[in-house]
Every structure is written in C-alpha cells, then in structure tokens.
Amino acid sequence: MSRKAYHAKDAAAIGPYSHAVDSGELVYLSGQTPINPATQELIKGDVGEQTKQCFINLFKVLEAANLTPDDVVKVNVYLTDMNNFSAMNEVYKMQFTEPFPARTTVAVLALPLGAEVEIEMIVKRPN
C-alpha cells in the first residue's frame, strides 16, 4: 500500500513520521505538541498557551490537506496532568463550532520535549 502523506511547512515534526496520512475518506493527523515551528522549540507558557500552539500546528496540517476544522470528527488529547483539564478545555472549545467533534482526553506519564499537552485528530473528507 502506498501512503498519501501531507506535510505542513509551518508545523514541526520531531521524528520520522508524516504530519497526516490520507486513507481516502479519512485523514489521520499525527499528534502535535506545542512546538514553535520557527524555533523548533517548545513554547513557554501554561497549558492554555501550549494548547493554542498545538491547534495552530494542527490547523496548518489541515490546511496542507485542503481541510478545515469543520471536517474534524475525532480528537484525542493527551495531558501530563489532569489538573490542567479545565485550562485545556477553555482553549479547546474556541477551536470548533457545534456540534463539536468526538473527543477523548487521557493522562499520560510524559510527552516529547517535556510538553504538557499533545493533540491528534481524525478528519473526514467532505463529500
């Protein structure tokens, strides 16, 4: 099987993976951490600021795949501390319009580069 992959020049990849892979009807976006693509470093700030940067990076990938936030059907959020859930949620709710995508939020032991949040998405191509 050959993969159709997308790479957003304005989003960072810190490993050997594609920003997104197209499976036809669905596009799977790799998790994005709050890395500033200009500096390739984790942004400074609280989990709210980190969540904003994750979405900036993810939306650049959506743009590269000719998709929009309205096409997102599922979001997975990874937090290193569930005490940050409310702060993440405040930023999250501003990224989408109702009806919101399905979502799972889980706590993890650690994330790359010491990030406090990582977010991945599944997107359905419009008919």
C-alpha atoms as a PDB file:
ATOM      1  CA  MET A   1       0.000   0.000   0.000  1.00  0.00           C
ATOM      2  CA  SER A   2       1.298   3.447  -0.822  1.00  0.00           C
ATOM      3  CA  ARG A   3       0.564   6.278   1.555  1.00  0.00           C
ATOM      4  CA  LYS A   4      -0.557   9.739   0.571  1.00  0.00           C
ATOM      5  CA  ALA A   5       1.008  11.961   3.180  1.00  0.00           C
ATOM      6  CA  TYR A   6       0.758  15.654   3.965  1.00  0.00           C
ATOM      7  CA  HIS A   7       3.431  17.868   5.425  1.00  0.00           C
ATOM      8  CA  ALA A   8       2.782  21.387   6.643  1.00  0.00           C
ATOM      9  CA  LYS A   9       5.812  23.625   6.281  1.00  0.00           C
ATOM     10  CA  ASP A  10       4.594  25.682   9.248  1.00  0.00           C
ATOM     11  CA  ALA A  11       4.379  22.747  11.673  1.00  0.00           C
ATOM     12  CA  ALA A  12       7.260  20.867  13.242  1.00  0.00           C
ATOM     13  CA  ALA A  13       7.923  17.127  13.058  1.00  0.00           C
ATOM     14  CA  ILE A  14      10.289  15.878  15.725  1.00  0.00           C
ATOM     15  CA  GLY A  15      10.574  12.332  14.440  1.00  0.00           C
ATOM     16  CA  PRO A  16      10.228  10.067  11.417  1.00  0.00           C
ATOM     17  CA  TYR A  17       6.502  10.482  10.766  1.00  0.00           C
ATOM     18  CA  SER A  18       4.127  12.267   8.434  1.00  0.00           C
ATOM     19  CA  HIS A  19       2.021  15.150   9.688  1.00  0.00           C
ATOM     20  CA  ALA A  20      -1.006  13.422   8.185  1.00  0.00           C
ATOM     21  CA  VAL A  21      -1.834  10.330   6.142  1.00  0.00           C
ATOM     22  CA  ASP A  22      -4.816  10.159   3.807  1.00  0.00           C
ATOM     23  CA  SER A  23      -6.761   6.890   3.718  1.00  0.00           C
ATOM     24  CA  GLY A  24      -9.343   8.096   1.202  1.00  0.00           C
ATOM     25  CA  GLU A  25     -12.371   9.133   3.192  1.00  0.00           C
ATOM     26  CA  LEU A  26     -10.440   9.724   6.423  1.00  0.00           C
ATOM     27  CA  VAL A  27      -7.262  11.677   7.099  1.00  0.00           C
ATOM     28  CA  TYR A  28      -5.295  10.843  10.244  1.00  0.00           C
ATOM     29  CA  LEU A  29      -3.300  13.699  11.752  1.00  0.00           C
ATOM     30  CA  SER A  30      -0.290  12.849  13.878  1.00  0.00           C
ATOM     31  CA  GLY A  31      -0.163  14.307  17.340  1.00  0.00           C
ATOM     32  CA  GLN A  32       1.169  17.834  17.545  1.00  0.00           C
ATOM     33  CA  THR A  33       2.969  19.182  20.552  1.00  0.00           C
ATOM     34  CA  PRO A  34       3.319  22.911  21.274  1.00  0.00           C
ATOM     35  CA  ILE A  35       6.451  23.426  19.228  1.00  0.00           C
ATOM     36  CA  ASN A  36       7.079  26.784  17.629  1.00  0.00           C
ATOM     37  CA  PRO A  37       7.943  25.839  14.024  1.00  0.00           C
ATOM     38  CA  ALA A  38      10.172  28.914  13.625  1.00  0.00           C
ATOM     39  CA  THR A  39      12.457  27.954  16.514  1.00  0.00           C
ATOM     40  CA  GLN A  40      11.764  24.183  16.658  1.00  0.00           C
ATOM     41  CA  GLU A  41      11.483  24.597  20.429  1.00  0.00           C
ATOM     42  CA  LEU A  42       8.657  24.024  22.861  1.00  0.00           C
ATOM     43  CA  ILE A  43       6.816  27.271  23.552  1.00  0.00           C
ATOM     44  CA  LYS A  44       6.942  28.741  27.019  1.00  0.00           C
ATOM     45  CA  GLY A  45       3.733  29.192  28.925  1.00  0.00           C
ATOM     46  CA  ASP A  46       0.968  27.378  30.717  1.00  0.00           C
ATOM     47  CA  VAL A  47      -1.115  24.539  29.316  1.00  0.00           C
ATOM     48  CA  GLY A  48      -3.542  27.033  27.787  1.00  0.00           C
ATOM     49  CA  GLU A  49      -0.766  28.602  25.703  1.00  0.00           C
ATOM     50  CA  GLN A  50       0.563  25.150  24.848  1.00  0.00           C
ATOM     51  CA  THR A  51      -2.908  24.014  23.743  1.00  0.00           C
ATOM     52  CA  LYS A  52      -3.211  27.070  21.475  1.00  0.00           C
ATOM     53  CA  GLN A  53       0.099  26.214  19.804  1.00  0.00           C
ATOM     54  CA  CYS A  54      -0.964  22.589  19.304  1.00  0.00           C
ATOM     55  CA  PHE A  55      -4.044  23.812  17.428  1.00  0.00           C
ATOM     56  CA  ILE A  56      -2.047  26.319  15.377  1.00  0.00           C
ATOM     57  CA  ASN A  57       0.182  23.445  14.266  1.00  0.00           C
ATOM     58  CA  LEU A  58      -2.741  21.087  13.629  1.00  0.00           C
ATOM     59  CA  PHE A  59      -4.675  23.653  11.619  1.00  0.00           C
ATOM     60  CA  LYS A  60      -1.605  24.204   9.412  1.00  0.00           C
ATOM     61  CA  VAL A  61      -1.675  20.471   8.683  1.00  0.00           C
ATOM     62  CA  LEU A  62      -5.403  20.653   7.918  1.00  0.00           C
ATOM     63  CA  GLU A  63      -4.693  23.500   5.505  1.00  0.00           C
ATOM     64  CA  ALA A  64      -1.956  21.468   3.777  1.00  0.00           C
ATOM     65  CA  ALA A  65      -4.508  18.666   3.282  1.00  0.00           C
ATOM     66  CA  ASN A  66      -7.126  21.138   1.990  1.00  0.00           C
ATOM     67  CA  LEU A  67      -9.343  20.558   5.041  1.00  0.00           C
ATOM     68  CA  THR A  68     -10.824  22.748   7.785  1.00  0.00           C
ATOM     69  CA  PRO A  69     -11.654  22.385  11.483  1.00  0.00           C
ATOM     70  CA  ASP A  70     -15.275  21.741  10.428  1.00  0.00           C
ATOM     71  CA  ASP A  71     -14.095  18.457   8.864  1.00  0.00           C
ATOM     72  CA  VAL A  72     -12.678  17.102  12.156  1.00  0.00           C
ATOM     73  CA  VAL A  73     -14.657  14.139  13.522  1.00  0.00           C
ATOM     74  CA  LYS A  74     -12.458  12.895  16.401  1.00  0.00           C
ATOM     75  CA  VAL A  75      -9.851  14.485  18.646  1.00  0.00           C
ATOM     76  CA  ASN A  76      -7.531  12.776  21.111  1.00  0.00           C
ATOM     77  CA  VAL A  77      -5.947  14.963  23.777  1.00  0.00           C
ATOM     78  CA  TYR A  78      -3.046  13.794  25.928  1.00  0.00           C
ATOM     79  CA  LEU A  79      -2.279  15.675  29.156  1.00  0.00           C
ATOM     80  CA  THR A  80       0.559  15.058  31.581  1.00  0.00           C
ATOM     81  CA  ASP A  81      -1.604  16.370  34.422  1.00  0.00           C
ATOM     82  CA  MET A  82      -5.393  16.106  34.587  1.00  0.00           C
ATOM     83  CA  ASN A  83      -5.385  19.177  36.831  1.00  0.00           C
ATOM     84  CA  ASN A  84      -4.828  21.034  33.529  1.00  0.00           C
ATOM     85  CA  PHE A  85      -8.072  19.718  32.012  1.00  0.00           C
ATOM     86  CA  SER A  86     -10.078  22.914  32.584  1.00  0.00           C
ATOM     87  CA  ALA A  87      -7.381  25.196  31.152  1.00  0.00           C
ATOM     88  CA  MET A  88      -7.031  22.967  28.087  1.00  0.00           C
ATOM     89  CA  ASN A  89     -10.813  22.790  27.711  1.00  0.00           C
ATOM     90  CA  GLU A  90     -11.158  26.601  27.748  1.00  0.00           C
ATOM     91  CA  VAL A  91      -8.875  26.852  24.705  1.00  0.00           C
ATOM     92  CA  TYR A  92     -10.286  23.714  23.064  1.00  0.00           C
ATOM     93  CA  LYS A  93     -13.889  24.959  22.993  1.00  0.00           C
ATOM     94  CA  MET A  94     -12.813  28.021  20.980  1.00  0.00           C
ATOM     95  CA  GLN A  95     -11.323  25.888  18.175  1.00  0.00           C
ATOM     96  CA  PHE A  96     -14.536  24.292  16.901  1.00  0.00           C
ATOM     97  CA  THR A  97     -18.172  25.112  16.327  1.00  0.00           C
ATOM     98  CA  GLU A  98     -21.076  22.978  17.476  1.00  0.00           C
ATOM     99  CA  PRO A  99     -21.650  20.149  17.079  1.00  0.00           C
ATOM    100  CA  PHE A 100     -18.175  19.522  18.471  1.00  0.00           C
ATOM    101  CA  PRO A 101     -16.060  16.581  17.287  1.00  0.00           C
ATOM    102  CA  ALA A 102     -15.991  13.439  19.411  1.00  0.00           C
ATOM    103  CA  ARG A 103     -13.115  13.591  21.892  1.00  0.00           C
ATOM    104  CA  THR A 104     -11.068  11.521  24.283  1.00  0.00           C
ATOM    105  CA  THR A 105      -8.769  13.100  26.878  1.00  0.00           C
ATOM    106  CA  VAL A 106      -6.308  10.927  28.743  1.00  0.00           C
ATOM    107  CA  ALA A 107      -3.486  11.468  31.200  1.00  0.00           C
ATOM    108  CA  VAL A 108      -0.050  10.231  30.211  1.00  0.00           C
ATOM    109  CA  LEU A 109       3.185   9.960  32.148  1.00  0.00           C
ATOM    110  CA  ALA A 110       5.214  12.187  29.821  1.00  0.00           C
ATOM    111  CA  LEU A 111       5.238  13.766  26.352  1.00  0.00           C
ATOM    112  CA  PRO A 112       8.085  14.605  23.953  1.00  0.00           C
ATOM    113  CA  LEU A 113      10.334  17.532  24.898  1.00  0.00           C
ATOM    114  CA  GLY A 114       8.524  17.990  28.207  1.00  0.00           C
ATOM    115  CA  ALA A 115       5.264  19.180  26.636  1.00  0.00           C
ATOM    116  CA  GLU A 116       2.216  19.265  28.892  1.00  0.00           C
ATOM    117  CA  VAL A 117      -0.251  18.559  26.065  1.00  0.00           C
ATOM    118  CA  GLU A 118      -0.349  16.770  22.713  1.00  0.00           C
ATOM    119  CA  ILE A 119      -3.334  16.634  20.372  1.00  0.00           C
ATOM    120  CA  GLU A 120      -4.159  14.417  17.381  1.00  0.00           C
ATOM    121  CA  MET A 121      -7.171  14.375  15.069  1.00  0.00           C
ATOM    122  CA  ILE A 122      -9.129  12.249  12.627  1.00  0.00           C
ATOM    123  CA  VAL A 123     -10.748  14.137   9.789  1.00  0.00           C
ATOM    124  CA  LYS A 124     -13.408  13.101   7.268  1.00  0.00           C
ATOM    125  CA  ARG A 125     -13.190  14.494   3.767  1.00  0.00           C
ATOM    126  CA  PRO A 126     -16.343  16.343   2.703  1.00  0.00           C
ATOM    127  CA  ASN A 127     -18.457  14.585   0.075  1.00  0.00           C
END
